[in-house]
């Protein structure tokens, strides 16, 4: 009788182990991860970077299934200008005309779903909630997500309409007669993430 009970218990343990979903959370390597941005206007464009302050990816059975990230808005940098002009543009981007960095020093992105893609240029479609200036909007974008040597990597390039986060400075959608001073509503982001 004891042998039979022991055998049943062993079978139950083996079956439980077989159906256990392996879940874990891996921290984002903030030193090798970065967000690059491009903003365009009628007369040209500017580009720069912003740092990821902290973040984590959720893993399930060797696949990325979620995650959340804090973006350090105080780290906004301009790469195509130098000296006085660089300082002026960085100051303007951090002002209330754009990202209100003093009031909102961080932005946040929380992944709500990751689905495999059949597209040739992306492995997945990522959906989530992006909060900038305290305003949250749902976004979806294609991404290439991979696991290499136990580390998760994700790369994505996409455009966002800044006016959805009440960033309307120089927008032709809200102001008339801007001429050459008009700044396009969409800005482009290229995100590179790596886990520790």
N, C-alpha and C. Protein backbone atom coordinates (compact mmCIF):
# COMPACT_ATOMS: atom_id res chain seq x y z
N UNK A 1 0.83 -1.21 0.00
CA UNK A 1 0.00 0.00 0.00
C UNK A 1 0.87 1.26 0.00
N UNK A 2 1.90 1.25 0.87
CA UNK A 2 2.78 2.42 0.94
C UNK A 2 3.51 2.62 -0.38
N UNK A 3 3.91 1.48 -1.01
CA UNK A 3 4.61 1.56 -2.29
C UNK A 3 3.70 2.16 -3.36
N UNK A 4 2.42 1.76 -3.34
CA UNK A 4 1.47 2.29 -4.31
C UNK A 4 1.26 3.79 -4.12
N UNK A 5 1.10 4.22 -2.88
CA UNK A 5 0.91 5.66 -2.59
C UNK A 5 2.15 6.44 -3.02
N UNK A 6 3.33 5.88 -2.74
CA UNK A 6 4.59 6.54 -3.12
C UNK A 6 4.68 6.66 -4.65
N UNK A 7 4.26 5.59 -5.35
CA UNK A 7 4.30 5.60 -6.82
C UNK A 7 3.36 6.67 -7.38
N UNK A 8 2.15 6.75 -6.81
CA UNK A 8 1.18 7.76 -7.25
C UNK A 8 1.72 9.16 -7.00
N UNK A 9 2.34 9.37 -5.87
CA UNK A 9 2.92 10.68 -5.53
C UNK A 9 4.03 11.04 -6.51
N UNK A 10 4.87 10.07 -6.87
CA UNK A 10 5.97 10.31 -7.81
C UNK A 10 5.43 10.68 -9.18
N UNK A 11 4.40 9.97 -9.63
CA UNK A 11 3.80 10.26 -10.93
C UNK A 11 3.21 11.68 -10.93
N UNK A 12 2.55 12.02 -9.84
CA UNK A 12 1.95 13.37 -9.73
C UNK A 12 3.02 14.44 -9.78
N UNK A 13 4.14 14.24 -9.11
CA UNK A 13 5.24 15.20 -9.12
C UNK A 13 5.84 15.35 -10.51
N UNK A 14 6.03 14.23 -11.19
CA UNK A 14 6.60 14.26 -12.54
C UNK A 14 5.67 15.00 -13.50
N UNK A 15 4.37 14.73 -13.40
CA UNK A 15 3.40 15.41 -14.27
C UNK A 15 3.34 16.91 -13.97
N UNK A 16 3.41 17.26 -12.70
CA UNK A 16 3.40 18.69 -12.32
C UNK A 16 4.61 19.38 -12.88
N UNK A 17 5.76 18.71 -12.80
CA UNK A 17 7.00 19.30 -13.32
C UNK A 17 6.92 19.47 -14.84
N UNK A 18 6.29 18.51 -15.51
CA UNK A 18 6.18 18.55 -16.96
C UNK A 18 5.32 19.72 -17.43
N UNK A 19 4.30 20.06 -16.63
CA UNK A 19 3.38 21.13 -17.03
C UNK A 19 3.69 22.47 -16.38
N UNK A 20 4.76 22.53 -15.61
CA UNK A 20 5.13 23.79 -14.97
C UNK A 20 5.69 24.76 -16.01
N UNK A 21 5.16 25.95 -16.04
CA UNK A 21 5.66 26.98 -16.95
C UNK A 21 6.81 27.71 -16.26
N UNK A 22 7.94 27.72 -16.93
CA UNK A 22 9.12 28.35 -16.34
C UNK A 22 9.06 29.85 -16.59
N UNK A 23 8.83 30.61 -15.53
CA UNK A 23 8.72 32.06 -15.63
C UNK A 23 9.85 32.72 -14.86
N UNK A 24 10.37 33.79 -15.42
CA UNK A 24 11.38 34.56 -14.70
C UNK A 24 11.41 35.97 -15.24
N UNK A 25 12.06 36.83 -14.50
CA UNK A 25 12.21 38.22 -14.88
C UNK A 25 13.69 38.52 -15.01
N UNK A 26 14.08 39.14 -16.12
CA UNK A 26 15.49 39.48 -16.33
C UNK A 26 15.62 41.00 -16.44
N UNK A 27 16.62 41.52 -15.80
CA UNK A 27 16.85 42.97 -15.80
C UNK A 27 17.42 43.41 -17.15
N UNK A 28 17.06 44.63 -17.54
CA UNK A 28 17.60 45.21 -18.77
C UNK A 28 18.99 45.77 -18.48
N UNK A 29 19.92 45.53 -19.38
CA UNK A 29 21.27 46.09 -19.27
C UNK A 29 21.20 47.55 -19.73
N UNK A 30 21.14 48.47 -18.79
CA UNK A 30 20.96 49.89 -19.14
C UNK A 30 22.21 50.49 -19.79
N UNK A 31 23.35 49.84 -19.63
CA UNK A 31 24.58 50.35 -20.26
C UNK A 31 24.62 50.07 -21.75
N UNK A 32 24.03 48.95 -22.18
CA UNK A 32 24.07 48.60 -23.60
C UNK A 32 22.73 48.85 -24.30
N UNK A 33 21.71 49.23 -23.55
CA UNK A 33 20.40 49.51 -24.14
C UNK A 33 20.21 51.01 -24.31
N UNK A 34 19.54 51.39 -25.38
CA UNK A 34 19.38 52.82 -25.63
C UNK A 34 18.22 53.09 -26.58
N UNK A 35 17.71 54.30 -26.51
CA UNK A 35 16.67 54.77 -27.42
C UNK A 35 17.24 55.93 -28.22
N UNK A 36 17.18 55.82 -29.54
CA UNK A 36 17.60 56.92 -30.42
C UNK A 36 16.34 57.58 -30.98
N UNK A 37 16.38 58.89 -31.16
CA UNK A 37 15.22 59.61 -31.68
C UNK A 37 15.59 60.50 -32.86
N UNK A 38 14.60 60.74 -33.72
CA UNK A 38 14.75 61.69 -34.83
C UNK A 38 13.48 62.52 -34.89
N UNK A 39 13.65 63.84 -34.86
CA UNK A 39 12.53 64.76 -35.02
C UNK A 39 12.73 65.57 -36.29
N UNK A 40 11.68 65.72 -37.09
CA UNK A 40 11.82 66.40 -38.37
C UNK A 40 10.98 67.66 -38.45
N UNK A 41 11.51 68.63 -39.18
CA UNK A 41 10.79 69.87 -39.43
C UNK A 41 10.88 70.17 -40.92
N UNK A 42 10.22 71.23 -41.36
CA UNK A 42 10.19 71.56 -42.78
C UNK A 42 11.60 71.77 -43.33
N UNK A 43 12.45 72.40 -42.55
CA UNK A 43 13.79 72.77 -43.03
C UNK A 43 14.88 71.77 -42.67
N UNK A 44 14.53 70.64 -42.07
CA UNK A 44 15.58 69.68 -41.73
C UNK A 44 15.16 68.74 -40.61
N UNK A 45 16.12 68.27 -39.85
CA UNK A 45 15.82 67.34 -38.76
C UNK A 45 16.92 67.40 -37.70
N UNK A 46 16.60 66.87 -36.53
CA UNK A 46 17.58 66.71 -35.45
C UNK A 46 17.49 65.29 -34.93
N UNK A 47 18.58 64.82 -34.36
CA UNK A 47 18.57 63.46 -33.80
C UNK A 47 19.36 63.41 -32.51
N UNK A 48 19.05 62.42 -31.70
CA UNK A 48 19.74 62.28 -30.42
C UNK A 48 19.38 60.97 -29.75
N UNK A 49 19.59 60.94 -28.46
CA UNK A 49 19.33 59.73 -27.68
C UNK A 49 18.65 60.08 -26.36
N UNK A 50 18.09 59.07 -25.73
CA UNK A 50 17.57 59.19 -24.36
C UNK A 50 17.82 57.84 -23.71
N UNK A 51 18.19 57.85 -22.44
CA UNK A 51 18.61 56.63 -21.75
C UNK A 51 17.45 55.91 -21.07
N UNK A 52 17.61 54.60 -20.97
CA UNK A 52 16.69 53.79 -20.18
C UNK A 52 17.23 53.74 -18.76
N UNK A 53 16.44 54.19 -17.81
CA UNK A 53 16.87 54.26 -16.41
C UNK A 53 16.89 52.88 -15.77
N UNK A 54 15.83 52.12 -16.00
CA UNK A 54 15.74 50.76 -15.47
C UNK A 54 14.65 50.02 -16.23
N UNK A 55 14.70 48.70 -16.15
CA UNK A 55 13.67 47.92 -16.83
C UNK A 55 13.88 46.44 -16.64
N UNK A 56 12.86 45.68 -16.98
CA UNK A 56 12.94 44.23 -16.86
C UNK A 56 12.06 43.60 -17.93
N UNK A 57 12.51 42.45 -18.42
CA UNK A 57 11.73 41.67 -19.38
C UNK A 57 11.22 40.42 -18.68
N UNK A 58 9.98 40.06 -18.97
CA UNK A 58 9.40 38.84 -18.41
C UNK A 58 9.61 37.71 -19.41
N UNK A 59 10.12 36.60 -18.91
CA UNK A 59 10.41 35.44 -19.75
C UNK A 59 9.54 34.27 -19.33
N UNK A 60 9.06 33.52 -20.31
CA UNK A 60 8.25 32.35 -20.03
C UNK A 60 8.62 31.26 -21.03
N UNK A 61 9.14 30.15 -20.52
CA UNK A 61 9.58 29.04 -21.38
C UNK A 61 10.51 29.51 -22.49
N UNK A 62 11.45 30.38 -22.13
CA UNK A 62 12.46 30.83 -23.08
C UNK A 62 12.00 31.87 -24.07
N UNK A 63 10.81 32.44 -23.87
CA UNK A 63 10.29 33.49 -24.75
C UNK A 63 10.00 34.75 -23.95
N UNK A 64 10.19 35.91 -24.57
CA UNK A 64 9.84 37.18 -23.93
C UNK A 64 8.32 37.34 -24.01
N UNK A 65 7.69 37.55 -22.86
CA UNK A 65 6.23 37.67 -22.81
C UNK A 65 5.74 39.02 -22.28
N UNK A 66 6.64 39.84 -21.75
CA UNK A 66 6.21 41.12 -21.20
C UNK A 66 7.41 41.91 -20.72
N UNK A 67 7.12 42.99 -20.03
CA UNK A 67 8.20 43.81 -19.48
C UNK A 67 7.74 45.22 -19.20
N UNK A 68 8.58 45.97 -18.52
CA UNK A 68 8.30 47.38 -18.25
C UNK A 68 9.62 48.13 -18.16
N UNK A 69 9.59 49.42 -18.54
CA UNK A 69 10.81 50.20 -18.65
C UNK A 69 10.56 51.63 -18.18
N UNK A 70 11.53 52.17 -17.47
CA UNK A 70 11.51 53.57 -17.07
C UNK A 70 12.53 54.31 -17.91
N UNK A 71 12.11 55.38 -18.56
CA UNK A 71 12.98 56.16 -19.44
C UNK A 71 13.36 57.45 -18.73
N UNK A 72 14.65 57.74 -18.69
CA UNK A 72 15.17 58.92 -18.00
C UNK A 72 15.10 60.13 -18.93
N UNK A 73 14.04 60.91 -18.81
CA UNK A 73 13.85 62.06 -19.71
C UNK A 73 14.87 63.16 -19.47
N UNK A 74 15.50 63.17 -18.31
CA UNK A 74 16.55 64.18 -18.05
C UNK A 74 17.79 63.92 -18.88
N UNK A 75 17.88 62.71 -19.46
CA UNK A 75 19.08 62.34 -20.23
C UNK A 75 18.95 62.66 -21.71
N UNK A 76 17.89 63.35 -22.11
CA UNK A 76 17.72 63.69 -23.54
C UNK A 76 18.99 64.37 -24.04
N UNK A 77 19.53 63.84 -25.13
CA UNK A 77 20.75 64.38 -25.71
C UNK A 77 20.53 64.67 -27.19
N UNK A 78 21.22 65.66 -27.71
CA UNK A 78 21.18 66.02 -29.12
C UNK A 78 22.54 65.69 -29.72
N UNK A 79 22.55 64.93 -30.79
CA UNK A 79 23.82 64.47 -31.35
C UNK A 79 24.28 65.22 -32.59
N UNK A 80 23.36 65.94 -33.25
CA UNK A 80 23.73 66.57 -34.51
C UNK A 80 24.15 68.03 -34.36
N UNK A 81 24.16 68.55 -33.13
CA UNK A 81 24.58 69.92 -32.88
C UNK A 81 25.67 69.95 -31.82
N UNK A 82 26.38 71.06 -31.74
CA UNK A 82 27.41 71.24 -30.72
C UNK A 82 27.30 72.62 -30.10
N UNK A 83 27.93 72.78 -28.94
CA UNK A 83 28.04 74.08 -28.30
C UNK A 83 26.71 74.72 -27.95
N UNK A 84 26.61 76.02 -28.24
CA UNK A 84 25.45 76.82 -27.84
C UNK A 84 24.15 76.29 -28.44
N UNK A 85 24.18 75.92 -29.73
CA UNK A 85 22.96 75.46 -30.39
C UNK A 85 22.47 74.13 -29.81
N UNK A 86 23.41 73.27 -29.47
CA UNK A 86 23.04 72.01 -28.84
C UNK A 86 22.38 72.27 -27.48
N UNK A 87 22.97 73.15 -26.70
CA UNK A 87 22.42 73.48 -25.38
C UNK A 87 21.03 74.09 -25.47
N UNK A 88 20.83 74.95 -26.47
CA UNK A 88 19.52 75.59 -26.63
C UNK A 88 18.45 74.57 -26.99
N UNK A 89 18.77 73.66 -27.93
CA UNK A 89 17.78 72.68 -28.33
C UNK A 89 17.48 71.70 -27.19
N UNK A 90 18.51 71.26 -26.48
CA UNK A 90 18.28 70.36 -25.35
C UNK A 90 17.40 71.02 -24.30
N UNK A 91 17.67 72.30 -24.03
CA UNK A 91 16.86 73.04 -23.06
C UNK A 91 15.42 73.17 -23.52
N UNK A 92 15.23 73.40 -24.83
CA UNK A 92 13.88 73.55 -25.37
C UNK A 92 13.13 72.22 -25.29
N UNK A 93 13.80 71.11 -25.63
CA UNK A 93 13.14 69.80 -25.57
C UNK A 93 12.72 69.44 -24.14
N UNK A 94 13.48 69.91 -23.17
CA UNK A 94 13.16 69.61 -21.77
C UNK A 94 12.13 70.58 -21.19
N UNK A 95 11.82 71.64 -21.92
CA UNK A 95 10.89 72.65 -21.41
C UNK A 95 9.44 72.19 -21.57
N UNK A 96 8.51 73.03 -21.09
CA UNK A 96 7.09 72.71 -21.18
C UNK A 96 6.57 72.72 -22.61
N UNK A 97 7.34 73.31 -23.55
CA UNK A 97 6.93 73.25 -24.96
C UNK A 97 6.95 71.81 -25.48
N UNK A 98 7.82 71.00 -24.87
CA UNK A 98 7.95 69.62 -25.34
C UNK A 98 7.69 68.62 -24.22
N UNK A 99 8.73 68.18 -23.50
CA UNK A 99 8.58 67.05 -22.59
C UNK A 99 8.44 67.40 -21.11
N UNK A 100 8.45 68.68 -20.74
CA UNK A 100 8.22 69.10 -19.35
C UNK A 100 9.03 68.24 -18.36
N UNK A 101 10.32 68.17 -18.60
CA UNK A 101 11.17 67.24 -17.85
C UNK A 101 11.24 67.56 -16.36
N UNK A 102 11.18 68.83 -16.01
CA UNK A 102 11.22 69.17 -14.58
C UNK A 102 10.01 68.59 -13.84
N UNK A 103 8.86 68.62 -14.48
CA UNK A 103 7.64 68.08 -13.86
C UNK A 103 7.53 66.56 -14.06
N UNK A 104 8.08 66.08 -15.16
CA UNK A 104 7.96 64.66 -15.51
C UNK A 104 9.33 64.11 -15.90
N UNK A 105 10.19 63.86 -14.93
CA UNK A 105 11.57 63.44 -15.23
C UNK A 105 11.70 62.04 -15.82
N UNK A 106 10.62 61.26 -15.76
CA UNK A 106 10.67 59.92 -16.35
C UNK A 106 9.43 59.68 -17.22
N UNK A 107 9.60 58.77 -18.17
CA UNK A 107 8.49 58.24 -18.95
C UNK A 107 8.48 56.74 -18.69
N UNK A 108 7.40 56.07 -19.06
CA UNK A 108 7.30 54.65 -18.75
C UNK A 108 6.62 53.90 -19.89
N UNK A 109 7.11 52.70 -20.17
CA UNK A 109 6.47 51.82 -21.14
C UNK A 109 6.24 50.46 -20.51
N UNK A 110 5.00 50.00 -20.56
CA UNK A 110 4.63 48.70 -20.01
C UNK A 110 4.08 47.84 -21.14
N UNK A 111 4.70 46.70 -21.39
CA UNK A 111 4.25 45.79 -22.44
C UNK A 111 2.98 45.07 -21.97
N UNK A 112 1.96 45.09 -22.81
CA UNK A 112 0.72 44.39 -22.48
C UNK A 112 0.57 43.09 -23.28
N UNK A 113 1.25 43.00 -24.42
CA UNK A 113 1.24 41.75 -25.19
C UNK A 113 2.39 41.71 -26.18
N UNK A 114 2.86 40.51 -26.45
CA UNK A 114 3.86 40.28 -27.50
C UNK A 114 3.36 39.08 -28.32
N UNK A 115 3.12 39.32 -29.60
CA UNK A 115 2.61 38.26 -30.47
C UNK A 115 3.55 38.03 -31.63
N UNK A 116 3.75 36.78 -31.98
CA UNK A 116 4.62 36.46 -33.10
C UNK A 116 4.07 37.04 -34.38
N UNK A 117 4.98 37.47 -35.24
CA UNK A 117 4.61 38.10 -36.51
C UNK A 117 5.02 37.21 -37.67
N UNK A 118 4.24 37.24 -38.72
CA UNK A 118 4.58 36.51 -39.94
C UNK A 118 5.26 37.43 -40.95
N UNK A 119 5.45 38.69 -40.56
CA UNK A 119 6.12 39.64 -41.45
C UNK A 119 7.59 39.27 -41.60
N UNK A 120 8.17 39.63 -42.73
CA UNK A 120 9.56 39.27 -42.98
C UNK A 120 10.55 40.19 -42.25
N UNK A 121 10.09 41.38 -41.87
CA UNK A 121 11.01 42.34 -41.25
C UNK A 121 10.86 42.43 -39.73
N UNK A 122 10.05 41.58 -39.14
CA UNK A 122 9.86 41.61 -37.68
C UNK A 122 9.45 40.23 -37.18
N UNK A 123 9.94 39.86 -36.03
CA UNK A 123 9.57 38.56 -35.45
C UNK A 123 8.31 38.65 -34.60
N UNK A 124 8.03 39.85 -34.08
CA UNK A 124 6.91 40.02 -33.16
C UNK A 124 6.22 41.38 -33.36
N UNK A 125 4.98 41.45 -32.87
CA UNK A 125 4.31 42.73 -32.70
C UNK A 125 4.17 42.97 -31.19
N UNK A 126 4.64 44.12 -30.77
CA UNK A 126 4.61 44.48 -29.35
C UNK A 126 3.55 45.53 -29.12
N UNK A 127 2.72 45.34 -28.10
CA UNK A 127 1.71 46.33 -27.72
C UNK A 127 1.94 46.71 -26.26
N UNK A 128 1.64 47.96 -25.95
CA UNK A 128 1.83 48.38 -24.56
C UNK A 128 1.32 49.78 -24.30
N UNK A 129 1.50 50.21 -23.07
CA UNK A 129 1.07 51.53 -22.62
C UNK A 129 2.29 52.41 -22.43
N UNK A 130 2.34 53.51 -23.18
CA UNK A 130 3.45 54.47 -23.09
C UNK A 130 2.96 55.73 -22.38
N UNK A 131 3.62 56.06 -21.26
CA UNK A 131 3.27 57.24 -20.48
C UNK A 131 4.36 58.29 -20.63
N UNK A 132 3.98 59.45 -21.16
CA UNK A 132 4.87 60.61 -21.30
C UNK A 132 4.12 61.81 -20.74
N UNK A 133 4.77 62.61 -19.91
CA UNK A 133 4.14 63.78 -19.31
C UNK A 133 2.88 63.41 -18.52
N UNK A 134 2.86 62.20 -17.97
CA UNK A 134 1.72 61.76 -17.19
C UNK A 134 0.52 61.34 -18.02
N UNK A 135 0.68 61.29 -19.35
CA UNK A 135 -0.40 60.91 -20.26
C UNK A 135 -0.07 59.53 -20.83
N UNK A 136 -1.02 58.61 -20.76
CA UNK A 136 -0.80 57.24 -21.22
C UNK A 136 -1.59 56.96 -22.49
N UNK A 137 -0.90 56.44 -23.49
CA UNK A 137 -1.53 56.00 -24.73
C UNK A 137 -1.07 54.60 -25.08
N UNK A 138 -1.95 53.84 -25.72
CA UNK A 138 -1.59 52.51 -26.18
C UNK A 138 -0.86 52.62 -27.51
N UNK A 139 0.24 51.87 -27.65
CA UNK A 139 0.97 51.86 -28.90
C UNK A 139 1.25 50.40 -29.30
N UNK A 140 1.42 50.19 -30.60
CA UNK A 140 1.78 48.87 -31.13
C UNK A 140 2.85 49.08 -32.19
N UNK A 141 3.86 48.21 -32.19
CA UNK A 141 4.93 48.36 -33.18
C UNK A 141 5.59 47.01 -33.45
N UNK A 142 6.19 46.85 -34.64
CA UNK A 142 6.91 45.62 -34.96
C UNK A 142 8.29 45.62 -34.30
N UNK A 143 8.77 44.44 -33.95
CA UNK A 143 10.08 44.34 -33.30
C UNK A 143 10.73 43.01 -33.65
N UNK A 144 12.04 42.99 -33.55
CA UNK A 144 12.79 41.75 -33.67
C UNK A 144 13.25 41.35 -32.28
N UNK A 145 12.70 40.26 -31.79
CA UNK A 145 13.00 39.79 -30.44
C UNK A 145 13.69 38.43 -30.55
N UNK A 146 14.82 38.30 -29.83
CA UNK A 146 15.56 37.04 -29.90
C UNK A 146 16.18 36.71 -28.55
N UNK A 147 16.51 35.44 -28.39
CA UNK A 147 17.23 34.97 -27.21
C UNK A 147 18.56 34.40 -27.70
N UNK A 148 19.66 34.98 -27.22
CA UNK A 148 20.98 34.51 -27.63
C UNK A 148 21.85 34.31 -26.40
N UNK A 149 22.37 33.10 -26.26
CA UNK A 149 23.21 32.76 -25.11
C UNK A 149 22.54 33.11 -23.78
N UNK A 150 21.23 32.87 -23.72
CA UNK A 150 20.49 33.11 -22.49
C UNK A 150 20.10 34.55 -22.25
N UNK A 151 20.49 35.45 -23.18
CA UNK A 151 20.14 36.86 -23.03
C UNK A 151 19.06 37.25 -24.04
N UNK A 152 18.14 38.09 -23.58
CA UNK A 152 17.08 38.58 -24.47
C UNK A 152 17.53 39.85 -25.16
N UNK A 153 17.23 39.96 -26.44
CA UNK A 153 17.54 41.15 -27.22
C UNK A 153 16.30 41.58 -27.99
N UNK A 154 16.08 42.87 -28.08
CA UNK A 154 14.94 43.38 -28.83
C UNK A 154 15.34 44.66 -29.56
N UNK A 155 14.95 44.74 -30.82
CA UNK A 155 15.22 45.92 -31.63
C UNK A 155 13.93 46.33 -32.33
N UNK A 156 13.67 47.63 -32.34
CA UNK A 156 12.45 48.12 -32.99
C UNK A 156 12.65 49.54 -33.49
N UNK A 157 12.05 49.86 -34.62
CA UNK A 157 12.03 51.21 -35.15
C UNK A 157 10.59 51.55 -35.52
N UNK A 158 10.11 52.69 -35.03
CA UNK A 158 8.71 53.06 -35.27
C UNK A 158 8.54 54.56 -35.05
N UNK A 159 7.41 55.08 -35.46
CA UNK A 159 7.10 56.50 -35.32
C UNK A 159 5.94 56.69 -34.34
N UNK A 160 5.98 57.80 -33.62
CA UNK A 160 4.91 58.16 -32.69
C UNK A 160 4.41 59.57 -33.01
N UNK A 161 3.12 59.79 -32.83
CA UNK A 161 2.53 61.11 -32.99
C UNK A 161 2.61 61.84 -31.64
N UNK A 162 3.51 62.81 -31.55
CA UNK A 162 3.77 63.50 -30.28
C UNK A 162 2.54 64.24 -29.75
N UNK A 163 1.62 64.61 -30.63
CA UNK A 163 0.47 65.39 -30.17
C UNK A 163 -0.47 64.57 -29.28
N UNK A 164 -0.36 63.24 -29.34
CA UNK A 164 -1.19 62.40 -28.47
C UNK A 164 -0.77 62.54 -27.00
N UNK A 165 0.43 63.08 -26.78
CA UNK A 165 0.91 63.34 -25.42
C UNK A 165 0.94 64.85 -25.14
N UNK A 166 0.09 65.59 -25.86
CA UNK A 166 -0.05 67.04 -25.67
C UNK A 166 1.25 67.80 -25.95
N UNK A 167 2.06 67.29 -26.87
CA UNK A 167 3.28 68.00 -27.29
C UNK A 167 2.95 68.63 -28.64
N UNK A 168 2.49 69.88 -28.59
CA UNK A 168 1.94 70.51 -29.78
C UNK A 168 2.79 71.65 -30.34
N UNK A 169 3.90 71.96 -29.72
CA UNK A 169 4.72 73.09 -30.16
C UNK A 169 5.09 72.93 -31.65
N UNK A 170 4.82 73.96 -32.43
CA UNK A 170 5.18 73.97 -33.84
C UNK A 170 4.42 72.98 -34.70
N UNK A 171 3.30 72.46 -34.20
CA UNK A 171 2.53 71.46 -34.95
C UNK A 171 1.58 72.13 -35.92
N UNK A 172 1.68 71.76 -37.19
CA UNK A 172 0.77 72.27 -38.20
C UNK A 172 -0.65 71.77 -38.02
N UNK A 173 -0.84 70.76 -37.19
CA UNK A 173 -2.18 70.23 -36.92
C UNK A 173 -2.97 71.14 -35.97
N UNK A 174 -2.24 72.01 -35.25
CA UNK A 174 -2.89 72.85 -34.25
C UNK A 174 -2.67 74.35 -34.46
N UNK A 175 -1.65 74.70 -35.26
CA UNK A 175 -1.33 76.12 -35.45
C UNK A 175 -1.21 76.42 -36.95
N UNK A 176 -1.79 77.55 -37.35
CA UNK A 176 -1.72 77.98 -38.75
C UNK A 176 -0.55 78.94 -38.96
N UNK A 177 -0.14 79.06 -40.20
CA UNK A 177 0.85 80.07 -40.58
C UNK A 177 2.26 79.82 -40.04
N UNK A 178 2.61 78.58 -39.77
CA UNK A 178 3.95 78.29 -39.23
C UNK A 178 5.04 78.34 -40.29
N UNK A 179 4.67 78.11 -41.54
CA UNK A 179 5.65 78.16 -42.62
C UNK A 179 6.82 77.22 -42.37
N UNK A 180 8.03 77.75 -42.53
CA UNK A 180 9.24 76.95 -42.35
C UNK A 180 9.49 76.55 -40.89
N UNK A 181 8.73 77.12 -39.97
CA UNK A 181 8.91 76.80 -38.55
C UNK A 181 8.10 75.57 -38.11
N UNK A 182 7.35 74.99 -39.05
CA UNK A 182 6.53 73.84 -38.68
C UNK A 182 7.39 72.61 -38.38
N UNK A 183 7.02 71.92 -37.29
CA UNK A 183 7.68 70.67 -36.89
C UNK A 183 6.66 69.56 -37.10
N UNK A 184 7.08 68.49 -37.75
CA UNK A 184 6.16 67.39 -38.02
C UNK A 184 5.72 66.71 -36.72
N UNK A 185 4.49 66.22 -36.72
CA UNK A 185 3.93 65.60 -35.51
C UNK A 185 4.63 64.29 -35.16
N UNK A 186 4.94 63.50 -36.17
CA UNK A 186 5.58 62.21 -35.92
C UNK A 186 7.06 62.38 -35.60
N UNK A 187 7.52 61.66 -34.59
CA UNK A 187 8.96 61.54 -34.36
C UNK A 187 9.32 60.07 -34.34
N UNK A 188 10.53 59.77 -34.78
CA UNK A 188 10.94 58.38 -34.96
C UNK A 188 11.80 57.91 -33.79
N UNK A 189 11.56 56.67 -33.39
CA UNK A 189 12.34 56.05 -32.32
C UNK A 189 12.96 54.76 -32.81
N UNK A 190 14.20 54.53 -32.42
CA UNK A 190 14.86 53.25 -32.63
C UNK A 190 15.30 52.75 -31.27
N UNK A 191 14.76 51.61 -30.86
CA UNK A 191 15.00 51.07 -29.53
C UNK A 191 15.86 49.81 -29.63
N UNK A 192 16.91 49.78 -28.84
CA UNK A 192 17.76 48.59 -28.74
C UNK A 192 17.81 48.17 -27.27
N UNK A 193 17.32 46.96 -26.98
CA UNK A 193 17.30 46.46 -25.60
C UNK A 193 18.09 45.18 -25.50
N UNK A 194 18.83 45.05 -24.42
CA UNK A 194 19.52 43.81 -24.10
C UNK A 194 19.34 43.52 -22.61
N UNK A 195 19.18 42.27 -22.28
CA UNK A 195 19.06 41.89 -20.85
C UNK A 195 20.42 41.56 -20.30
N UNK A 196 20.52 41.57 -18.99
CA UNK A 196 21.76 41.19 -18.32
C UNK A 196 21.94 39.68 -18.38
